[in-house]
Amino acid sequence: MPDLKDDLSALRIEREPDRPARRWVVWLILLIVAGAGGVAAWRWVTRERPIEVETVAVSERAAGTQAAVLNATGYVTARRRATVSSKITGKVIEVNVEEGMAVKEGQVLARLDDATLKASLALAEAQAELNRRGVRENEVRLQEAKLMLARLTRLIKDGLSTQAEVEAAQAQVDSFDARIMAAREQVNVAERQIELAKTNLDDTIIRAPFSGVVISKDAQPGEMVSPVSAGGGFTRTGIGTLVDMRSLEIEVDVNESYINRVSPDQGVTAVLDAYPDWQIPARVITMVPTADRQKATVLVRIGFRQLDPRLLPDMGVKVTFLRDAEAADLPAARPVALVPKTAIRAEGDQSYAFVVAGGVVDRRAVTTGGADGDRVEVLAGLRAGERVIVSPPPALTSGAQVVEQ
């Protein structure tokens, strides 16, 4: 039997000798692969990337809606507003109002301590009564002096009296007559003092100067109030603040560069910050005939066409000044597309916009109309809902790929 170990040791692997031609082929293949990878990498680095742009949808103004010529912000203000105070300095003993309470003209809002003033009134009345009694006493004495003068006048005819006695009696009559006149004047003065005391006493009752709503309560019973600022922080200058809700209006500051777009009785649409979906019809009341040199603005007063309980003083409001229907370039029955002014470019007499669809730019010629606030009317070339580029880059061309921010 043959030896298996000897057979296995006789086995050998025969290697072919190296061939230089085969090594060159391998190096050539590696070089081709590396070149193709470099070309691919260069194309990837230098590929055309989409441009990031800001877009906005084309909006549409409904048929019959007036165009805007100017937008502004302001506040709801009360034309009739007062901090109700007292005419005298005194201690509050009663306050009859709370915030939000509706009051009528003449209604008692508060009372001050009137003990001292009542005593002054009683003293003035007593002095007046004393002067009246003095008048009556002098009138009695005057009557007595007149009788004496008549008696002496008769006696002088009989030689029983002298001229000196008659003259003395006449002087007594004149003296009592002067005293009566002075006493009557003292009565008048005392009556004036009574009236003054009653007025001061009435001033302790603080009443509403007009009908309105109390928006702040500034004093409490026990505090001192004064018509002037006195006593530091321990003296109040008012009982509360009263607002006439029927006098609400809007005040806005309009840049003097655009004041030529505003005219009296011009239509206005107001939107409160608290109710952004509520459009309130209003109109321009007047433009205050002076400018603020620091802010370069002119104050414009705007009145509501109809008041509403939701309107409150000091509310923030945005207003849109509307263009008159007679001055509109389009019939009121036709809807109009609107885009921001920065979305329109012009070359000569031709205007155009960049429309984005599927990430590709389409440069489209448009026909523009008038301005509507910070937007412009597009009469032809765009449809509502299409997206246009806002502030397009100068090098942007039709067919370019973009990415919306």
Protein backbone atom coordinates (compact mmCIF):
# COMPACT_ATOMS: atom_id res chain seq x y z
CA MET A 1 0.00 0.00 0.00
CA PRO A 2 1.49 3.36 -1.00
CA ASP A 3 2.47 5.79 1.73
CA LEU A 4 -0.03 8.70 1.86
CA LYS A 5 2.46 10.97 3.59
CA ASP A 6 4.93 10.69 0.76
CA ASP A 7 2.27 11.50 -1.79
CA LEU A 8 1.21 14.65 0.01
CA SER A 9 4.76 15.91 0.31
CA ALA A 10 5.21 15.48 -3.39
CA LEU A 11 2.44 17.94 -4.21
CA ARG A 12 3.58 21.47 -5.41
CA ILE A 13 1.91 24.67 -6.75
CA GLU A 14 3.49 25.84 -9.91
CA ARG A 15 3.63 29.68 -10.16
CA GLU A 16 3.75 31.47 -13.43
CA PRO A 17 6.51 33.97 -13.85
CA ASP A 18 5.58 37.78 -13.50
CA ARG A 19 4.46 39.44 -16.63
CA PRO A 20 5.29 43.20 -16.83
CA ALA A 21 2.47 43.84 -19.36
CA ARG A 22 -0.20 42.77 -16.90
CA ARG A 23 1.03 45.24 -14.26
CA TRP A 24 0.71 48.15 -16.71
CA VAL A 25 -2.90 47.19 -17.41
CA VAL A 26 -3.73 47.29 -13.73
CA TRP A 27 -2.15 50.72 -13.32
CA LEU A 28 -4.02 52.01 -16.37
CA ILE A 29 -7.35 50.83 -14.97
CA LEU A 30 -6.63 52.51 -11.62
CA LEU A 31 -5.70 55.75 -13.41
CA ILE A 32 -8.92 55.74 -15.42
CA VAL A 33 -11.02 55.14 -12.30
CA ALA A 34 -9.24 57.96 -10.44
CA GLY A 35 -9.75 60.36 -13.36
CA ALA A 36 -13.45 59.56 -13.59
CA GLY A 37 -13.81 60.14 -9.84
CA GLY A 38 -12.06 63.49 -10.10
CA VAL A 39 -14.28 64.61 -12.97
CA ALA A 40 -17.36 63.57 -10.99
CA ALA A 41 -16.15 65.42 -7.93
CA TRP A 42 -15.39 68.56 -9.97
CA ARG A 43 -18.85 68.48 -11.52
CA TRP A 44 -20.39 68.03 -8.05
CA VAL A 45 -18.48 70.99 -6.65
CA THR A 46 -19.14 73.24 -9.65
CA ARG A 47 -22.76 72.18 -10.18
CA GLU A 48 -25.47 74.91 -10.41
CA ARG A 49 -27.08 75.27 -7.01
CA PRO A 50 -30.66 76.56 -6.56
CA ILE A 51 -30.87 80.20 -5.43
CA GLU A 52 -32.62 80.91 -2.13
CA VAL A 53 -35.36 83.49 -2.65
CA GLU A 54 -38.25 84.95 -0.67
CA THR A 55 -41.64 84.46 -2.28
CA VAL A 56 -45.15 85.65 -1.58
CA ALA A 57 -48.51 84.61 -2.95
CA VAL A 58 -50.36 86.97 -5.27
CA SER A 59 -53.38 88.30 -3.37
CA GLU A 60 -56.59 89.64 -4.77
CA ARG A 61 -58.69 92.62 -3.80
CA ALA A 62 -62.36 91.72 -3.91
CA ALA A 63 -64.69 93.42 -6.33
CA GLY A 64 -66.18 96.64 -4.98
CA THR A 65 -63.36 97.18 -2.47
CA GLN A 66 -61.58 100.54 -2.48
CA ALA A 67 -57.83 100.65 -2.91
CA ALA A 68 -55.57 101.81 -0.09
CA VAL A 69 -53.29 104.80 -0.53
CA LEU A 70 -51.60 104.83 2.88
CA ASN A 71 -51.23 102.68 5.99
CA ALA A 72 -50.57 104.00 9.48
CA THR A 73 -50.79 103.02 13.13
CA GLY A 74 -52.23 104.90 16.07
CA TYR A 75 -54.39 104.66 19.15
CA VAL A 76 -58.03 104.99 20.13
CA THR A 77 -58.42 108.17 22.18
CA ALA A 78 -61.28 109.89 23.98
CA ARG A 79 -61.90 113.46 22.93
CA ARG A 80 -63.72 114.06 26.23
CA ARG A 81 -61.72 112.78 29.19
CA ALA A 82 -61.24 114.26 32.64
CA THR A 83 -59.57 113.48 35.94
CA VAL A 84 -62.28 114.55 38.37
CA SER A 85 -60.95 116.41 41.40
CA SER A 86 -62.20 118.70 44.13
CA LYS A 87 -62.08 122.49 44.14
CA ILE A 88 -60.87 122.56 47.73
CA THR A 89 -58.43 120.63 49.87
CA GLY A 90 -60.08 118.14 52.19
CA LYS A 91 -60.28 114.62 53.55
CA VAL A 92 -62.27 112.05 51.60
CA ILE A 93 -65.03 110.43 53.68
CA GLU A 94 -67.00 108.72 50.89
CA VAL A 95 -66.24 107.38 47.40
CA ASN A 96 -69.18 106.12 45.37
CA VAL A 97 -67.51 104.89 42.16
CA GLU A 98 -65.58 101.86 40.93
CA GLU A 99 -63.68 101.14 37.74
CA GLY A 100 -66.02 100.40 34.84
CA MET A 101 -69.03 102.11 36.42
CA ALA A 102 -71.24 104.21 34.14
CA VAL A 103 -72.22 107.55 35.68
CA LYS A 104 -74.59 110.35 34.70
CA GLU A 105 -73.83 114.05 34.58
CA GLY A 106 -74.23 115.55 38.07
CA GLN A 107 -74.04 112.19 39.87
CA VAL A 108 -72.24 112.30 43.24
CA LEU A 109 -68.86 110.61 42.92
CA ALA A 110 -67.38 111.38 46.37
CA ARG A 111 -67.80 113.50 49.49
CA LEU A 112 -65.26 115.37 51.60
CA ASP A 113 -65.30 116.11 55.32
CA ASP A 114 -67.60 119.15 55.77
CA ALA A 115 -67.67 119.62 59.55
CA THR A 116 -65.53 122.79 59.52
CA LEU A 117 -67.44 124.28 56.60
CA LYS A 118 -70.79 123.62 58.29
CA ALA A 119 -69.53 125.47 61.36
CA SER A 120 -68.39 128.37 59.14
CA LEU A 121 -71.83 128.48 57.55
CA ALA A 122 -73.52 128.57 60.94
CA LEU A 123 -71.21 131.41 62.04
CA ALA A 124 -71.98 133.41 58.89
CA GLU A 125 -75.72 132.95 59.40
CA ALA A 126 -75.43 134.09 63.03
CA GLN A 127 -73.48 137.19 62.02
CA ALA A 128 -76.09 138.00 59.40
CA GLU A 129 -78.87 137.69 61.97
CA LEU A 130 -76.95 139.93 64.37
CA ASN A 131 -76.59 142.60 61.68
CA ARG A 132 -80.30 142.39 60.86
CA ARG A 133 -81.18 143.02 64.51
CA GLY A 134 -78.78 145.97 64.54
CA VAL A 135 -80.67 147.43 61.58
CA ARG A 136 -84.00 147.06 63.38
CA GLU A 137 -82.58 148.72 66.54
CA ASN A 138 -81.25 151.68 64.57
CA GLU A 139 -84.55 152.01 62.74
CA VAL A 140 -86.35 152.34 66.12
CA ARG A 141 -83.88 154.95 67.30
CA LEU A 142 -84.21 156.79 64.00
CA GLN A 143 -87.95 156.95 64.47
CA GLU A 144 -87.45 158.31 67.99
CA ALA A 145 -84.96 160.93 66.70
CA LYS A 146 -87.41 162.03 64.03
CA LEU A 147 -90.18 162.54 66.64
CA MET A 148 -87.79 164.58 68.76
CA LEU A 149 -86.86 166.73 65.78
CA ALA A 150 -90.50 167.38 64.95
CA ARG A 151 -91.25 168.29 68.56
CA LEU A 152 -88.36 170.77 68.75
CA THR A 153 -89.36 172.28 65.42
CA ARG A 154 -92.81 173.08 66.82
CA LEU A 155 -91.39 174.45 70.06
CA ILE A 156 -89.02 176.81 68.29
CA LYS A 157 -92.02 178.57 66.78
CA ASP A 158 -93.31 179.26 70.31
CA GLY A 159 -89.90 180.36 71.46
CA LEU A 160 -89.57 177.38 73.79
CA SER A 161 -86.64 175.84 71.95
CA THR A 162 -83.45 177.11 70.39
CA GLN A 163 -82.06 176.64 66.93
CA ALA A 164 -79.10 174.77 68.36
CA GLU A 165 -81.40 172.12 69.86
CA VAL A 166 -83.13 171.70 66.51
CA GLU A 167 -79.86 171.31 64.70
CA ALA A 168 -78.67 168.76 67.27
CA ALA A 169 -81.88 166.75 66.78
CA GLN A 170 -81.40 166.89 63.00
CA ALA A 171 -77.82 165.63 63.37
CA GLN A 172 -79.12 162.78 65.52
CA VAL A 173 -81.60 161.82 62.78
CA ASP A 174 -78.90 161.89 60.12
CA SER A 175 -76.59 159.82 62.32
CA PHE A 176 -79.14 157.06 62.85
CA ASP A 177 -79.96 157.10 59.13
CA ALA A 178 -76.25 156.59 58.30
CA ARG A 179 -76.00 153.82 60.89
CA ILE A 180 -78.95 152.06 59.32
CA MET A 181 -77.36 152.24 55.87
CA ALA A 182 -74.07 150.84 57.25
CA ALA A 183 -75.91 148.08 59.10
CA ARG A 184 -77.78 147.12 55.96
CA GLU A 185 -74.49 146.89 54.07
CA GLN A 186 -73.17 144.67 56.86
CA VAL A 187 -76.24 142.47 56.37
CA ASN A 188 -75.44 142.25 52.64
CA VAL A 189 -71.85 141.30 53.43
CA ALA A 190 -73.04 138.67 55.87
CA GLU A 191 -75.40 137.24 53.28
CA ARG A 192 -72.54 137.07 50.77
CA GLN A 193 -70.51 135.23 53.41
CA ILE A 194 -73.38 132.79 53.81
CA GLU A 195 -73.42 132.20 50.07
CA LEU A 196 -69.65 131.67 50.08
CA ALA A 197 -69.94 129.23 52.97
CA LYS A 198 -72.70 127.35 51.16
CA THR A 199 -70.55 127.21 48.00
CA ASN A 200 -67.59 125.87 49.96
CA LEU A 201 -69.90 123.36 51.60
CA ASP A 202 -71.23 122.30 48.19
CA ASP A 203 -67.65 121.91 46.96
CA THR A 204 -67.26 119.02 49.39
CA ILE A 205 -69.61 117.07 47.13
CA ILE A 206 -67.76 115.98 43.98
CA ARG A 207 -70.06 115.39 41.02
CA ALA A 208 -69.58 114.00 37.52
CA PRO A 209 -69.00 116.84 35.01
CA PHE A 210 -70.48 114.74 32.17
CA SER A 211 -71.91 111.30 31.52
CA GLY A 212 -69.35 108.59 30.93
CA VAL A 213 -67.50 105.58 32.31
CA VAL A 214 -65.03 105.59 35.20
CA ILE A 215 -61.75 104.04 34.04
CA SER A 216 -59.72 104.59 37.23
CA LYS A 217 -60.38 105.12 40.92
CA ASP A 218 -57.60 107.23 42.42
CA ALA A 219 -58.68 107.97 46.00
CA GLN A 220 -59.99 106.09 49.03
CA PRO A 221 -61.87 107.25 52.14
CA GLY A 222 -59.48 108.77 54.66
CA GLU A 223 -57.06 110.22 52.08
CA MET A 224 -56.52 113.91 51.47
CA VAL A 225 -57.31 115.40 48.06
CA SER A 226 -56.33 118.78 46.68
CA PRO A 227 -56.81 120.62 43.38
CA VAL A 228 -53.05 121.23 43.31
CA SER A 229 -50.15 118.91 44.00
CA ALA A 230 -49.32 119.39 47.67
CA GLY A 231 -48.20 117.29 50.57
CA GLY A 232 -45.96 114.98 48.54
CA GLY A 233 -47.27 111.49 47.92
CA PHE A 234 -49.80 111.70 50.75
CA THR A 235 -52.22 114.02 48.93
CA ARG A 236 -54.27 112.92 45.94
CA THR A 237 -55.07 115.29 43.10
CA GLY A 238 -58.14 113.46 41.83
CA ILE A 239 -60.93 111.08 42.74
CA GLY A 240 -60.95 109.20 39.43
CA THR A 241 -60.76 109.47 35.66
CA LEU A 242 -63.95 109.73 33.64
CA VAL A 243 -64.22 109.06 29.89
CA ASP A 244 -67.09 109.92 27.56
CA MET A 245 -67.32 106.80 25.38
CA ARG A 246 -69.33 108.75 22.81
CA SER A 247 -66.25 110.85 22.04
CA LEU A 248 -63.93 107.99 21.02
CA GLU A 249 -61.84 108.56 17.91
CA ILE A 250 -58.46 107.56 16.44
CA GLU A 251 -55.29 109.62 16.42
CA VAL A 252 -52.45 108.65 14.06
CA ASP A 253 -49.16 110.30 13.19
CA VAL A 254 -48.69 110.44 9.41
CA ASN A 255 -45.27 111.11 7.94
CA GLU A 256 -45.30 114.59 6.43
CA SER A 257 -43.99 113.12 3.15
CA TYR A 258 -47.31 111.30 2.69
CA ILE A 259 -49.75 113.81 4.18
CA ASN A 260 -50.77 114.82 0.65
CA ARG A 261 -52.54 111.44 0.39
CA VAL A 262 -54.91 112.36 3.23
CA SER A 263 -57.95 114.62 2.91
CA PRO A 264 -60.95 115.50 5.12
CA ASP A 265 -63.89 113.03 5.00
CA GLN A 266 -61.64 110.46 3.29
CA GLY A 267 -62.71 106.86 3.83
CA VAL A 268 -60.66 104.83 6.31
CA THR A 269 -60.66 101.20 7.40
CA ALA A 270 -59.49 100.61 10.99
CA VAL A 271 -58.40 97.28 12.49
CA LEU A 272 -57.86 96.95 16.23
CA ASP A 273 -54.87 94.95 17.42
CA ALA A 274 -57.24 93.13 19.78
CA TYR A 275 -59.67 92.18 16.95
CA PRO A 276 -57.54 91.63 13.80
CA ASP A 277 -60.46 90.22 11.80
CA TRP A 278 -62.81 93.15 12.49
CA GLN A 279 -62.66 95.93 9.91
CA ILE A 280 -64.20 99.13 11.25
CA PRO A 281 -65.41 101.79 8.79
CA ALA A 282 -64.23 105.28 9.66
CA ARG A 283 -63.49 108.66 8.10
CA VAL A 284 -60.94 111.44 8.43
CA ILE A 285 -62.17 114.24 10.71
CA THR A 286 -59.32 116.66 10.23
CA MET A 287 -55.57 117.08 10.01
CA VAL A 288 -54.15 119.15 12.85
CA PRO A 289 -52.56 122.15 11.09
CA THR A 290 -49.07 121.76 12.52
CA ALA A 291 -46.17 119.33 12.17
CA ASP A 292 -43.96 117.75 14.79
CA ARG A 293 -40.45 118.82 13.87
CA GLN A 294 -38.82 116.06 15.96
CA LYS A 295 -40.81 113.23 14.35
CA ALA A 296 -41.61 114.94 11.01
CA THR A 297 -45.25 113.85 11.33
CA VAL A 298 -48.69 115.42 11.19
CA LEU A 299 -51.46 114.37 13.58
CA VAL A 300 -54.62 113.11 11.86
CA ARG A 301 -57.92 112.65 13.70
CA ILE A 302 -60.20 109.84 12.49
CA GLY A 303 -63.80 109.31 13.58
CA PHE A 304 -65.71 106.04 13.72
CA ARG A 305 -68.79 105.86 11.55
CA GLN A 306 -70.49 103.82 14.27
CA LEU A 307 -69.40 103.24 17.86
CA ASP A 308 -69.20 99.78 19.42
CA PRO A 309 -68.82 98.58 23.03
CA ARG A 310 -65.63 96.76 22.04
CA LEU A 311 -63.90 100.09 21.39
CA LEU A 312 -61.85 101.11 24.42
CA PRO A 313 -59.53 104.10 25.03
CA ASP A 314 -55.79 103.64 24.32
CA MET A 315 -56.29 100.52 22.16
CA GLY A 316 -53.74 100.06 19.40
CA VAL A 317 -55.16 100.31 15.89
CA LYS A 318 -53.94 100.03 12.32
CA VAL A 319 -55.66 102.26 9.76
CA THR A 320 -55.79 102.14 5.98
CA PHE A 321 -56.59 105.33 4.11
CA LEU A 322 -58.73 104.42 1.11
CA ARG A 323 -58.63 105.89 -2.36
CA ASP A 324 -61.83 107.54 -3.52
CA ALA A 325 -63.92 105.36 -5.80
CA GLU A 326 -64.06 108.12 -8.41
CA ALA A 327 -60.26 108.14 -8.65
CA ALA A 328 -59.92 104.38 -9.08
CA ASP A 329 -58.35 103.22 -12.34
CA LEU A 330 -60.53 100.10 -12.58
CA PRO A 331 -64.25 99.54 -12.37
CA ALA A 332 -65.31 98.76 -8.80
CA ALA A 333 -66.97 95.51 -9.90
CA ARG A 334 -63.69 93.92 -11.09
CA PRO A 335 -61.30 92.05 -8.74
CA VAL A 336 -57.67 93.14 -8.86
CA ALA A 337 -54.46 91.17 -8.19
CA LEU A 338 -52.06 92.71 -5.69
CA VAL A 339 -48.34 92.08 -5.09
CA PRO A 340 -45.70 93.87 -3.00
CA LYS A 341 -44.04 96.79 -4.77
CA THR A 342 -40.64 95.11 -4.36
CA ALA A 343 -41.80 92.17 -6.50
CA ILE A 344 -42.10 94.32 -9.64
CA ARG A 345 -39.12 95.27 -11.82
CA ALA A 346 -39.13 97.72 -14.67
CA GLU A 347 -37.01 98.00 -17.81
CA GLY A 348 -37.97 101.04 -19.75
CA ASP A 349 -41.74 101.04 -20.19
CA GLN A 350 -42.10 97.33 -19.48
CA SER A 351 -42.72 95.88 -16.02
CA TYR A 352 -42.24 92.24 -15.13
CA ALA A 353 -42.25 89.85 -12.19
CA PHE A 354 -40.53 86.53 -11.45
CA VAL A 355 -43.03 83.72 -10.90
CA VAL A 356 -41.91 80.48 -9.20
CA ALA A 357 -43.49 77.16 -10.21
CA GLY A 358 -41.94 73.82 -9.29
CA GLY A 359 -38.71 75.47 -8.19
CA VAL A 360 -38.15 77.07 -11.61
CA VAL A 361 -38.28 80.82 -12.30
CA ASP A 362 -40.51 82.24 -15.03
CA ARG A 363 -39.94 85.89 -15.92
CA ARG A 364 -43.34 87.26 -16.83
CA ALA A 365 -44.37 90.64 -18.24
CA VAL A 366 -47.12 92.37 -16.26
CA THR A 367 -49.30 95.46 -16.53
CA THR A 368 -49.46 97.47 -13.31
CA GLY A 369 -52.07 99.90 -12.04
CA GLY A 370 -52.21 102.19 -9.04
CA ALA A 371 -50.76 101.71 -5.58
CA ASP A 372 -52.65 100.05 -2.74
CA GLY A 373 -50.65 100.94 0.37
CA ASP A 374 -47.34 99.03 0.15
CA ARG A 375 -48.69 96.89 -2.69
CA VAL A 376 -49.27 97.55 -6.38
CA GLU A 377 -52.20 96.57 -8.56
CA VAL A 378 -51.47 94.09 -11.37
CA LEU A 379 -54.00 94.45 -14.15
CA ALA A 380 -52.63 91.65 -16.36
CA GLY A 381 -49.95 88.95 -16.24
CA LEU A 382 -50.57 87.41 -12.80
CA ARG A 383 -53.29 85.36 -11.20
CA ALA A 384 -54.28 85.17 -7.55
CA GLY A 385 -52.46 82.36 -5.74
CA GLU A 386 -49.31 82.36 -7.89
CA ARG A 387 -46.05 82.89 -6.02
CA VAL A 388 -43.76 85.74 -6.99
CA ILE A 389 -40.25 86.55 -5.80
CA VAL A 390 -39.88 89.50 -3.47
CA SER A 391 -36.76 91.64 -4.13
CA PRO A 392 -35.34 89.31 -6.84
CA PRO A 393 -31.53 89.18 -7.19
CA PRO A 394 -30.13 91.31 -10.04
CA ALA A 395 -28.65 88.30 -11.89
CA LEU A 396 -31.83 86.21 -11.71
CA THR A 397 -32.99 84.95 -15.13
CA SER A 398 -35.87 82.94 -16.47
CA GLY A 399 -35.39 79.18 -16.05
CA ALA A 400 -33.15 79.46 -12.98
CA GLN A 401 -33.73 77.00 -10.19
CA VAL A 402 -34.65 78.49 -6.83
CA VAL A 403 -35.47 77.38 -3.33
CA GLU A 404 -38.14 79.26 -1.38
CA GLN A 405 -37.15 80.40 2.07
